[in-house]
């Protein structure tokens, strides 16, 4: 018996899943779909460890938000491409039929369970921070709990907004589920470098009041508004401060409140 054969396989070890499709949006962004193990369960908005095997035998794993909703029979991810990134430099080269390692223990704070009931749910995102919201906007439970769902997605360039538009429009026009989001789901996109209908970072748009003016809604009110935040570390921390300035309290799975951030990507 070889040394490798003697090693017991951990019950929590990631499983190799097959790449079903890959789509590149820009030279910086792409999405891919994997087969979903029959026993794999997660809540919309959670993240999981994924990665690739390495020549030294030790897999290279990173935390990725799951972009598909919990009811989907496949698992979708939305990723940035970093030329010298340990994982993304390899991951961006995958193709249909390749294998990607999928963890077994999804976790996270960007879930409906971590929020108190409310009227309006904001999802503030920048870049690939939209990924967990791609999951949540396609989950029927979101519309059972909130009367209005506003997704704010900010990127540097217009081309980088394609994925969020695709997800929202696709769900609204879904023949089976789209009806539950009609009149409830709204997408607010903005750019920071390229001319677009809306310009500016989410923090700027909130402080100036332009976000609310454009949407035709009142400013943040802790009695009715709830929020989820995902994006760059600086943006997340700044938005967290803004939420607290407006009287919203941060929540967690064990203590639901008014807004949540994904602490695993910030701490």
Protein backbone atom coordinates (compact mmCIF):
# COMPACT_ATOMS: atom_id res chain seq x y z
CA UNK A 1 0.00 0.00 0.00
CA UNK A 2 1.36 3.43 -0.96
CA UNK A 3 1.72 6.29 1.50
CA UNK A 4 -1.07 8.16 -0.29
CA UNK A 5 -3.39 5.17 -0.01
CA UNK A 6 -2.85 5.04 3.75
CA UNK A 7 -4.10 8.60 4.22
CA UNK A 8 -7.80 8.69 5.14
CA UNK A 9 -9.89 11.13 3.11
CA UNK A 10 -11.42 13.80 5.32
CA UNK A 11 -15.24 13.86 5.22
CA UNK A 12 -14.93 17.65 4.78
CA UNK A 13 -12.48 17.42 1.87
CA UNK A 14 -13.61 19.32 -1.25
CA UNK A 15 -15.05 17.27 -4.10
CA UNK A 16 -13.98 17.60 -7.75
CA UNK A 17 -16.93 18.97 -9.72
CA UNK A 18 -17.24 19.29 -13.49
CA UNK A 19 -17.24 22.68 -15.21
CA UNK A 20 -20.50 22.92 -17.18
CA UNK A 21 -19.98 26.34 -18.75
CA UNK A 22 -17.70 29.38 -18.69
CA UNK A 23 -18.48 32.90 -19.89
CA UNK A 24 -15.98 35.76 -19.99
CA UNK A 25 -17.53 39.24 -19.75
CA UNK A 26 -14.38 41.37 -19.87
CA UNK A 27 -10.65 40.85 -19.53
CA UNK A 28 -11.23 41.13 -15.77
CA UNK A 29 -14.49 39.25 -15.13
CA UNK A 30 -15.99 35.83 -15.85
CA UNK A 31 -18.56 33.37 -14.54
CA UNK A 32 -18.61 29.59 -14.48
CA UNK A 33 -21.01 26.82 -13.54
CA UNK A 34 -20.23 23.52 -11.82
CA UNK A 35 -22.14 20.34 -11.22
CA UNK A 36 -23.85 20.33 -7.83
CA UNK A 37 -23.42 17.31 -5.54
CA UNK A 38 -26.75 15.80 -4.56
CA UNK A 39 -26.08 16.33 -0.85
CA UNK A 40 -24.80 19.92 -1.20
CA UNK A 41 -27.03 22.38 0.65
CA UNK A 42 -26.62 26.13 1.18
CA UNK A 43 -28.59 29.26 1.96
CA UNK A 44 -28.75 31.89 -0.78
CA UNK A 45 -26.02 34.46 -0.08
CA UNK A 46 -23.51 32.09 1.53
CA UNK A 47 -19.94 31.43 0.39
CA UNK A 48 -17.88 28.28 -0.01
CA UNK A 49 -14.24 27.30 -0.52
CA UNK A 50 -13.40 26.41 -4.11
CA UNK A 51 -10.10 25.77 -5.83
CA UNK A 52 -7.84 23.66 -7.97
CA UNK A 53 -5.51 20.74 -7.23
CA UNK A 54 -1.79 21.53 -7.31
CA UNK A 55 1.26 19.52 -8.30
CA UNK A 56 2.38 19.30 -4.66
CA UNK A 57 -0.85 17.47 -3.85
CA UNK A 58 -2.23 20.23 -1.64
CA UNK A 59 -5.23 22.00 -3.19
CA UNK A 60 -5.26 25.78 -3.56
CA UNK A 61 -8.56 27.02 -2.13
CA UNK A 62 -10.20 30.42 -1.77
CA UNK A 63 -13.57 31.65 -0.44
CA UNK A 64 -16.11 32.45 -3.16
CA UNK A 65 -19.70 33.62 -2.82
CA UNK A 66 -22.18 31.28 -4.47
CA UNK A 67 -23.96 33.21 -7.22
CA UNK A 68 -26.68 30.67 -7.92
CA UNK A 69 -29.83 30.52 -5.76
CA UNK A 70 -30.28 27.68 -3.29
CA UNK A 71 -32.86 25.94 -5.52
CA UNK A 72 -30.57 25.70 -8.58
CA UNK A 73 -29.34 22.25 -9.59
CA UNK A 74 -25.93 23.69 -10.56
CA UNK A 75 -23.49 25.94 -8.69
CA UNK A 76 -22.50 29.27 -10.26
CA UNK A 77 -19.61 31.58 -9.41
CA UNK A 78 -18.64 35.07 -10.57
CA UNK A 79 -14.94 35.84 -10.47
CA UNK A 80 -12.37 38.50 -11.10
CA UNK A 81 -9.23 37.67 -13.10
CA UNK A 82 -5.96 38.55 -11.42
CA UNK A 83 -2.98 37.85 -13.74
CA UNK A 84 -0.64 37.00 -10.88
CA UNK A 85 -3.31 35.78 -8.45
CA UNK A 86 -2.41 32.38 -6.97
CA UNK A 87 -5.83 30.92 -7.81
CA UNK A 88 -7.50 33.23 -10.34
CA UNK A 89 -4.48 33.14 -12.68
CA UNK A 90 -5.27 29.42 -13.09
CA UNK A 91 -9.03 29.50 -12.62
CA UNK A 92 -9.60 31.94 -15.48
CA UNK A 93 -8.23 29.30 -17.88
CA UNK A 94 -10.77 26.58 -17.04
CA UNK A 95 -13.04 25.23 -19.74
CA UNK A 96 -16.06 23.01 -20.07
CA UNK A 97 -15.34 19.52 -18.76
CA UNK A 98 -12.51 20.57 -16.45
CA UNK A 99 -12.61 19.88 -12.72
CA UNK A 100 -12.87 22.47 -9.94
CA UNK A 101 -12.76 21.59 -6.24
CA UNK A 102 -15.93 22.48 -4.31
CA UNK A 103 -15.99 22.64 -0.52
CA UNK A 104 -18.69 21.06 1.62
CA UNK A 105 -19.36 23.66 4.33
CA UNK A 106 -21.08 26.83 3.06
CA UNK A 107 -21.21 29.68 5.58
CA UNK A 108 -21.81 33.42 5.65
CA UNK A 109 -23.61 36.46 7.00
CA UNK A 110 -25.22 37.75 3.79
CA UNK A 111 -28.35 35.71 4.39
CA UNK A 112 -31.96 36.60 5.04
CA UNK A 113 -31.83 34.90 8.44
CA UNK A 114 -29.43 37.61 9.70
CA UNK A 115 -31.92 40.44 9.06
CA UNK A 116 -34.98 41.52 10.99
CA UNK A 117 -38.24 41.84 9.04
CA UNK A 118 -38.56 45.08 7.07
CA UNK A 119 -40.26 46.71 4.11
CA UNK A 120 -37.38 47.51 1.78
CA UNK A 121 -34.14 45.57 1.26
CA UNK A 122 -31.06 47.26 -0.20
CA UNK A 123 -28.19 45.22 -1.61
CA UNK A 124 -25.11 47.44 -2.00
CA UNK A 125 -22.33 45.93 -4.11
CA UNK A 126 -19.21 46.82 -6.06
CA UNK A 127 -17.44 44.65 -8.64
CA UNK A 128 -17.73 40.91 -7.99
CA UNK A 129 -19.39 41.77 -4.66
CA UNK A 130 -22.62 41.39 -6.63
CA UNK A 131 -22.18 37.57 -6.57
CA UNK A 132 -24.11 36.79 -3.36
CA UNK A 133 -26.89 39.09 -4.51
CA UNK A 134 -27.13 37.19 -7.79
CA UNK A 135 -28.15 34.32 -5.53
CA UNK A 136 -30.51 36.27 -3.29
CA UNK A 137 -32.43 38.16 -5.99
CA UNK A 138 -33.36 34.79 -7.51
CA UNK A 139 -34.61 33.33 -4.23
CA UNK A 140 -38.42 33.44 -3.76
CA UNK A 141 -37.96 33.86 0.01
CA UNK A 142 -36.48 37.33 -0.60
CA UNK A 143 -39.82 38.51 -2.00
CA UNK A 144 -41.81 36.82 0.74
CA UNK A 145 -39.92 38.88 3.33
CA UNK A 146 -39.64 42.26 1.56
CA UNK A 147 -42.01 44.45 -0.45
CA UNK A 148 -39.19 46.10 -2.37
CA UNK A 149 -35.69 44.87 -3.26
CA UNK A 150 -33.19 47.44 -4.55
CA UNK A 151 -29.87 46.14 -5.87
CA UNK A 152 -27.13 48.75 -6.19
CA UNK A 153 -24.13 47.66 -8.28
CA UNK A 154 -21.15 49.93 -8.93
CA UNK A 155 -18.19 49.21 -11.21
CA UNK A 156 -15.40 51.16 -12.84
CA UNK A 157 -16.56 50.62 -16.43
CA UNK A 158 -19.93 50.07 -18.13
CA UNK A 159 -18.95 46.64 -19.49
CA UNK A 160 -18.44 45.39 -15.94
CA UNK A 161 -22.14 45.94 -15.17
CA UNK A 162 -23.27 43.31 -17.70
CA UNK A 163 -23.58 40.43 -15.24
CA UNK A 164 -25.90 42.21 -12.78
CA UNK A 165 -28.12 43.39 -15.64
CA UNK A 166 -28.22 39.87 -17.06
CA UNK A 167 -29.19 38.35 -13.71
CA UNK A 168 -31.91 40.87 -12.85
CA UNK A 169 -33.46 41.01 -16.33
CA UNK A 170 -33.24 37.25 -16.66
CA UNK A 171 -35.07 36.66 -13.39
CA UNK A 172 -37.76 39.27 -14.05
CA UNK A 173 -38.47 37.57 -17.38
CA UNK A 174 -38.30 34.02 -16.05
CA UNK A 175 -41.56 32.30 -17.08
CA UNK A 176 -41.77 30.30 -13.84
CA UNK A 177 -40.46 32.61 -11.11
CA UNK A 178 -40.29 36.11 -12.58
CA UNK A 179 -43.80 37.05 -11.52
CA UNK A 180 -42.86 37.07 -7.80
CA UNK A 181 -40.29 39.83 -8.43
CA UNK A 182 -42.38 41.98 -10.75
CA UNK A 183 -42.92 45.40 -9.20
CA UNK A 184 -40.53 44.57 -6.36
CA UNK A 185 -37.03 44.10 -7.82
CA UNK A 186 -35.10 47.18 -8.99
CA UNK A 187 -31.51 47.47 -10.21
CA UNK A 188 -29.51 50.68 -9.74
CA UNK A 189 -26.16 50.64 -11.55
CA UNK A 190 -23.42 53.27 -11.43
CA UNK A 191 -19.93 53.75 -12.85
CA UNK A 192 -16.91 55.49 -11.36
CA UNK A 193 -14.66 55.93 -14.42
CA UNK A 194 -16.82 55.86 -17.53
CA UNK A 195 -19.76 58.06 -18.49
CA UNK A 196 -23.03 56.38 -17.56
CA UNK A 197 -26.60 57.17 -16.55
CA UNK A 198 -25.54 57.15 -12.89
CA UNK A 199 -22.04 58.12 -11.77
CA UNK A 200 -20.32 57.70 -8.44
CA UNK A 201 -19.50 55.34 -5.60
CA UNK A 202 -22.41 54.06 -3.49
CA UNK A 203 -21.16 55.98 -0.46
CA UNK A 204 -21.19 59.23 -2.44
CA UNK A 205 -24.66 58.52 -3.83
CA UNK A 206 -26.05 57.86 -0.35
CA UNK A 207 -24.40 60.91 1.26
CA UNK A 208 -25.59 63.27 -1.47
CA UNK A 209 -29.05 61.75 -1.46
CA UNK A 210 -28.88 61.18 -5.22
CA UNK A 211 -29.48 57.44 -4.87
CA UNK A 212 -32.80 58.02 -3.12
CA UNK A 213 -33.74 60.88 -5.42
CA UNK A 214 -33.12 58.73 -8.50
CA UNK A 215 -35.13 55.86 -7.02
CA UNK A 216 -37.93 58.06 -5.72
CA UNK A 217 -37.71 56.71 -2.17
CA UNK A 218 -37.07 58.20 1.26
CA UNK A 219 -33.60 58.17 2.81
CA UNK A 220 -32.58 55.23 4.94
CA UNK A 221 -34.96 54.62 7.81
CA UNK A 222 -34.20 51.87 10.37
CA UNK A 223 -37.91 51.30 10.95
CA UNK A 224 -38.46 50.03 7.38
CA UNK A 225 -35.10 49.60 5.61
CA UNK A 226 -32.69 46.67 5.72
CA UNK A 227 -29.36 46.39 3.90
CA UNK A 228 -26.72 43.94 2.76
CA UNK A 229 -23.23 45.08 1.76
CA UNK A 230 -20.55 43.29 -0.29
CA UNK A 231 -17.57 44.69 -2.17
CA UNK A 232 -14.10 46.06 -1.58
CA UNK A 233 -12.89 46.22 2.01
CA UNK A 234 -12.75 50.04 2.08
CA UNK A 235 -16.21 50.41 0.56
CA UNK A 236 -17.70 47.85 2.93
CA UNK A 237 -16.28 49.57 6.01
CA UNK A 238 -17.37 53.01 4.80
CA UNK A 239 -20.89 51.78 4.04
CA UNK A 240 -21.05 50.08 7.43
CA UNK A 241 -20.31 53.45 9.07
CA UNK A 242 -22.97 55.09 6.89
CA UNK A 243 -25.59 52.53 7.91
CA UNK A 244 -24.84 53.17 11.57
CA UNK A 245 -25.00 56.93 11.01
CA UNK A 246 -28.55 56.38 9.73
CA UNK A 247 -29.46 54.38 12.83
CA UNK A 248 -29.24 50.88 11.39
CA UNK A 249 -27.68 48.17 13.56
CA UNK A 250 -25.42 45.41 12.24
CA UNK A 251 -26.85 41.90 12.42
CA UNK A 252 -25.56 38.34 12.44
CA UNK A 253 -26.95 34.83 12.17
CA UNK A 254 -27.19 34.67 15.96
CA UNK A 255 -28.53 38.23 16.32
CA UNK A 256 -30.64 39.43 13.36
CA UNK A 257 -30.71 43.20 12.93
CA UNK A 258 -30.91 45.93 10.24
CA UNK A 259 -27.88 45.39 8.00
CA UNK A 260 -25.18 42.81 7.36
CA UNK A 261 -21.75 42.64 5.78
CA UNK A 262 -19.69 39.56 4.93
CA UNK A 263 -17.12 39.69 7.70
CA UNK A 264 -15.10 36.81 6.25
CA UNK A 265 -14.09 39.09 3.35
CA UNK A 266 -13.36 42.13 5.54
CA UNK A 267 -11.73 41.00 8.79
